[in-house]
């Protein structure tokens, strides 16, 4: 994984289980390959959309090198505290 842009994103990302982190990094949509791929050199940051804080994973496609991105609600996934 590349970097996490801000402290809040770091806290949210670290709270997710290792399994969820891996699943998210391996399930990022590539518009060129037209399927979910692994995001190489991924960065994670917080994006505010319509008063909701969402997390964004962006990086490059493992297959073709195109830019890839996945926007997700971190509250939808199990955390280390919930196990």
N, C-alpha and C. Protein backbone atom coordinates (compact mmCIF):
# COMPACT_ATOMS: atom_id res chain seq x y z
N UNK A 1 0.84 -1.17 0.00
CA UNK A 1 0.00 0.00 0.00
C UNK A 1 0.89 1.23 0.00
N UNK A 2 0.45 2.27 -0.68
CA UNK A 2 1.21 3.50 -0.79
C UNK A 2 1.15 4.32 0.48
N UNK A 3 0.26 5.30 0.52
CA UNK A 3 0.21 6.19 1.67
C UNK A 3 -1.23 6.51 2.04
N UNK A 4 -1.39 7.00 3.26
CA UNK A 4 -2.69 7.47 3.72
C UNK A 4 -2.55 8.96 3.91
N UNK A 5 -3.43 9.70 3.25
CA UNK A 5 -3.30 11.14 3.10
C UNK A 5 -3.46 11.93 4.39
N UNK A 6 -4.45 11.59 5.22
CA UNK A 6 -4.65 12.40 6.42
C UNK A 6 -4.89 11.52 7.65
N UNK A 7 -4.79 12.12 8.81
CA UNK A 7 -4.88 11.40 10.08
C UNK A 7 -6.23 10.71 10.23
N UNK A 8 -7.31 11.38 9.87
CA UNK A 8 -8.64 10.79 10.01
C UNK A 8 -8.77 9.55 9.13
N UNK A 9 -8.27 9.63 7.92
CA UNK A 9 -8.29 8.47 7.02
C UNK A 9 -7.44 7.35 7.62
N UNK A 10 -6.31 7.69 8.20
CA UNK A 10 -5.43 6.69 8.83
C UNK A 10 -6.17 5.97 9.96
N UNK A 11 -6.88 6.71 10.79
CA UNK A 11 -7.62 6.11 11.90
C UNK A 11 -8.72 5.19 11.39
N UNK A 12 -9.49 5.64 10.41
CA UNK A 12 -10.56 4.81 9.84
C UNK A 12 -9.98 3.56 9.19
N UNK A 13 -8.91 3.71 8.39
CA UNK A 13 -8.30 2.58 7.69
C UNK A 13 -7.74 1.56 8.70
N UNK A 14 -7.05 2.04 9.72
CA UNK A 14 -6.48 1.14 10.72
C UNK A 14 -7.54 0.40 11.53
N UNK A 15 -8.73 0.99 11.65
CA UNK A 15 -9.81 0.34 12.39
C UNK A 15 -10.40 -0.84 11.62
N UNK A 16 -10.27 -0.84 10.28
CA UNK A 16 -10.79 -1.94 9.47
C UNK A 16 -9.93 -3.18 9.69
N UNK A 17 -10.57 -4.34 9.62
CA UNK A 17 -9.82 -5.59 9.78
C UNK A 17 -8.86 -5.77 8.60
N UNK A 18 -7.83 -6.57 8.80
CA UNK A 18 -6.88 -6.85 7.72
C UNK A 18 -7.58 -7.45 6.51
N UNK A 19 -8.55 -8.33 6.76
CA UNK A 19 -9.29 -8.97 5.67
C UNK A 19 -10.05 -7.95 4.84
N UNK A 20 -10.69 -6.99 5.50
CA UNK A 20 -11.44 -5.95 4.78
C UNK A 20 -10.47 -5.07 4.00
N UNK A 21 -9.35 -4.69 4.59
CA UNK A 21 -8.37 -3.87 3.87
C UNK A 21 -7.92 -4.57 2.60
N UNK A 22 -7.58 -5.86 2.70
CA UNK A 22 -7.14 -6.62 1.52
C UNK A 22 -8.24 -6.69 0.47
N UNK A 23 -9.47 -6.98 0.91
CA UNK A 23 -10.59 -7.07 -0.02
C UNK A 23 -10.79 -5.75 -0.77
N UNK A 24 -10.72 -4.63 -0.05
CA UNK A 24 -10.91 -3.32 -0.67
C UNK A 24 -9.79 -3.01 -1.68
N UNK A 25 -8.55 -3.30 -1.31
CA UNK A 25 -7.43 -3.02 -2.21
C UNK A 25 -7.46 -3.89 -3.47
N UNK A 26 -8.06 -5.08 -3.36
CA UNK A 26 -8.14 -6.00 -4.50
C UNK A 26 -9.46 -5.87 -5.26
N UNK A 27 -10.25 -4.89 -4.92
CA UNK A 27 -11.57 -4.75 -5.53
C UNK A 27 -11.81 -3.29 -5.93
N UNK A 28 -10.87 -2.76 -6.70
CA UNK A 28 -10.95 -1.38 -7.19
C UNK A 28 -11.22 -1.43 -8.68
N UNK A 29 -12.19 -0.66 -9.14
CA UNK A 29 -12.62 -0.74 -10.55
C UNK A 29 -11.64 -0.06 -11.49
N UNK A 30 -11.32 -0.76 -12.57
CA UNK A 30 -10.48 -0.20 -13.63
C UNK A 30 -11.35 0.07 -14.85
N UNK A 31 -11.46 1.32 -15.30
CA UNK A 31 -12.29 1.63 -16.47
C UNK A 31 -11.71 1.09 -17.78
N UNK A 32 -10.41 0.82 -17.80
CA UNK A 32 -9.79 0.29 -19.01
C UNK A 32 -9.99 -1.22 -19.12
N UNK A 33 -9.75 -1.94 -18.03
CA UNK A 33 -9.92 -3.40 -18.02
C UNK A 33 -11.39 -3.80 -17.85
N UNK A 34 -12.20 -2.90 -17.32
CA UNK A 34 -13.64 -3.05 -17.09
C UNK A 34 -13.95 -4.18 -16.09
N UNK A 35 -13.13 -4.30 -15.06
CA UNK A 35 -13.41 -5.20 -13.94
C UNK A 35 -12.60 -4.76 -12.73
N UNK A 36 -12.87 -5.40 -11.61
CA UNK A 36 -12.18 -5.05 -10.36
C UNK A 36 -10.76 -5.61 -10.38
N UNK A 37 -9.83 -4.80 -9.91
CA UNK A 37 -8.41 -5.15 -9.93
C UNK A 37 -7.75 -4.78 -8.61
N UNK A 38 -6.48 -5.13 -8.48
CA UNK A 38 -5.66 -4.69 -7.35
C UNK A 38 -5.15 -3.29 -7.64
N UNK A 39 -5.26 -2.40 -6.66
CA UNK A 39 -4.74 -1.04 -6.79
C UNK A 39 -3.30 -1.01 -6.31
N UNK A 40 -2.35 -0.89 -7.21
CA UNK A 40 -0.94 -0.74 -6.86
C UNK A 40 -0.67 0.68 -6.39
N UNK A 41 0.30 0.86 -5.50
CA UNK A 41 0.68 2.18 -4.99
C UNK A 41 -0.54 2.98 -4.54
N UNK A 42 -1.43 2.32 -3.83
CA UNK A 42 -2.70 2.94 -3.44
C UNK A 42 -2.52 4.03 -2.40
N UNK A 43 -3.35 5.05 -2.50
CA UNK A 43 -3.45 6.07 -1.47
C UNK A 43 -4.88 6.05 -0.94
N UNK A 44 -5.04 6.39 0.32
CA UNK A 44 -6.36 6.41 0.94
C UNK A 44 -6.57 7.80 1.51
N UNK A 45 -7.74 8.37 1.24
CA UNK A 45 -8.07 9.67 1.82
C UNK A 45 -9.56 9.77 2.07
N UNK A 46 -9.97 10.84 2.74
CA UNK A 46 -11.37 11.10 3.05
C UNK A 46 -11.94 12.04 2.00
N UNK A 47 -13.14 11.71 1.51
CA UNK A 47 -13.84 12.56 0.55
C UNK A 47 -15.19 12.88 1.17
N UNK A 48 -15.59 14.14 1.15
CA UNK A 48 -16.90 14.52 1.66
C UNK A 48 -17.86 14.68 0.49
N UNK A 49 -18.91 13.88 0.51
CA UNK A 49 -19.95 13.93 -0.53
C UNK A 49 -21.30 14.06 0.15
N UNK A 50 -22.02 15.07 -0.17
CA UNK A 50 -23.36 15.30 0.37
C UNK A 50 -23.42 15.08 1.87
N UNK A 51 -22.51 15.75 2.58
CA UNK A 51 -22.43 15.72 4.04
C UNK A 51 -22.05 14.37 4.62
N UNK A 52 -21.62 13.43 3.80
CA UNK A 52 -21.15 12.14 4.29
C UNK A 52 -19.65 12.03 4.06
N UNK A 53 -18.96 11.49 5.02
CA UNK A 53 -17.53 11.26 4.84
C UNK A 53 -17.34 9.86 4.27
N UNK A 54 -16.77 9.79 3.11
CA UNK A 54 -16.47 8.53 2.46
C UNK A 54 -14.97 8.39 2.33
N UNK A 55 -14.51 7.17 2.17
CA UNK A 55 -13.08 6.95 1.96
C UNK A 55 -12.86 6.64 0.48
N UNK A 56 -11.73 7.07 -0.02
CA UNK A 56 -11.37 6.84 -1.41
C UNK A 56 -10.02 6.13 -1.47
N UNK A 57 -9.98 5.04 -2.23
CA UNK A 57 -8.72 4.37 -2.53
C UNK A 57 -8.42 4.69 -3.98
N UNK A 58 -7.24 5.20 -4.25
CA UNK A 58 -6.85 5.46 -5.64
C UNK A 58 -5.44 4.93 -5.84
N UNK A 59 -5.16 4.56 -7.07
CA UNK A 59 -3.85 4.02 -7.40
C UNK A 59 -3.77 3.69 -8.88
N UNK A 60 -2.98 2.69 -9.21
CA UNK A 60 -2.85 2.26 -10.60
C UNK A 60 -3.25 0.80 -10.72
N UNK A 61 -3.83 0.45 -11.87
CA UNK A 61 -4.29 -0.90 -12.13
C UNK A 61 -3.09 -1.85 -12.21
N UNK A 62 -3.22 -2.98 -11.54
CA UNK A 62 -2.17 -3.99 -11.56
C UNK A 62 -1.97 -4.56 -12.97
N UNK A 63 -3.05 -4.59 -13.78
CA UNK A 63 -2.99 -5.20 -15.11
C UNK A 63 -2.48 -4.26 -16.20
N UNK A 64 -3.04 -3.04 -16.26
CA UNK A 64 -2.74 -2.16 -17.41
C UNK A 64 -2.07 -0.85 -17.03
N UNK A 65 -2.02 -0.52 -15.74
CA UNK A 65 -1.38 0.72 -15.31
C UNK A 65 -2.27 1.95 -15.34
N UNK A 66 -3.55 1.80 -15.72
CA UNK A 66 -4.48 2.94 -15.71
C UNK A 66 -4.76 3.39 -14.28
N UNK A 67 -5.21 4.62 -14.14
CA UNK A 67 -5.62 5.13 -12.83
C UNK A 67 -6.91 4.43 -12.42
N UNK A 68 -6.96 4.02 -11.15
CA UNK A 68 -8.15 3.35 -10.61
C UNK A 68 -8.56 4.03 -9.32
N UNK A 69 -9.83 3.82 -8.94
CA UNK A 69 -10.35 4.45 -7.74
C UNK A 69 -11.53 3.66 -7.21
N UNK A 70 -11.70 3.71 -5.90
CA UNK A 70 -12.88 3.11 -5.26
C UNK A 70 -13.30 4.02 -4.12
N UNK A 71 -14.55 4.41 -4.12
CA UNK A 71 -15.15 5.22 -3.08
C UNK A 71 -16.00 4.29 -2.22
N UNK A 72 -15.86 4.35 -0.89
CA UNK A 72 -16.65 3.46 -0.05
C UNK A 72 -16.93 4.10 1.31
N UNK A 73 -17.98 3.60 1.94
CA UNK A 73 -18.35 4.04 3.27
C UNK A 73 -17.67 3.11 4.27
N UNK A 74 -16.71 3.61 4.99
CA UNK A 74 -15.96 2.78 5.93
C UNK A 74 -16.82 2.22 7.04
N UNK A 75 -17.95 2.83 7.30
CA UNK A 75 -18.84 2.35 8.37
C UNK A 75 -19.59 1.09 7.96
N UNK A 76 -19.51 0.70 6.70
CA UNK A 76 -20.22 -0.48 6.20
C UNK A 76 -19.44 -1.77 6.40
N UNK A 77 -18.24 -1.69 6.93
CA UNK A 77 -17.37 -2.86 7.05
C UNK A 77 -17.01 -3.12 8.50
N UNK A 78 -16.74 -4.40 8.83
CA UNK A 78 -16.38 -4.71 10.21
C UNK A 78 -15.05 -4.08 10.62
N UNK A 79 -14.98 -3.68 11.86
CA UNK A 79 -13.74 -3.10 12.39
C UNK A 79 -13.11 -4.05 13.39
N UNK A 80 -11.90 -3.74 13.77
CA UNK A 80 -11.19 -4.56 14.74
C UNK A 80 -11.95 -4.58 16.08
N UNK A 81 -12.59 -3.46 16.42
CA UNK A 81 -13.33 -3.36 17.68
C UNK A 81 -14.59 -4.20 17.68
N UNK A 82 -15.15 -4.48 16.51
CA UNK A 82 -16.42 -5.21 16.45
C UNK A 82 -16.22 -6.71 16.46
N UNK A 83 -14.97 -7.18 16.52
CA UNK A 83 -14.73 -8.62 16.51
C UNK A 83 -14.50 -9.14 17.90
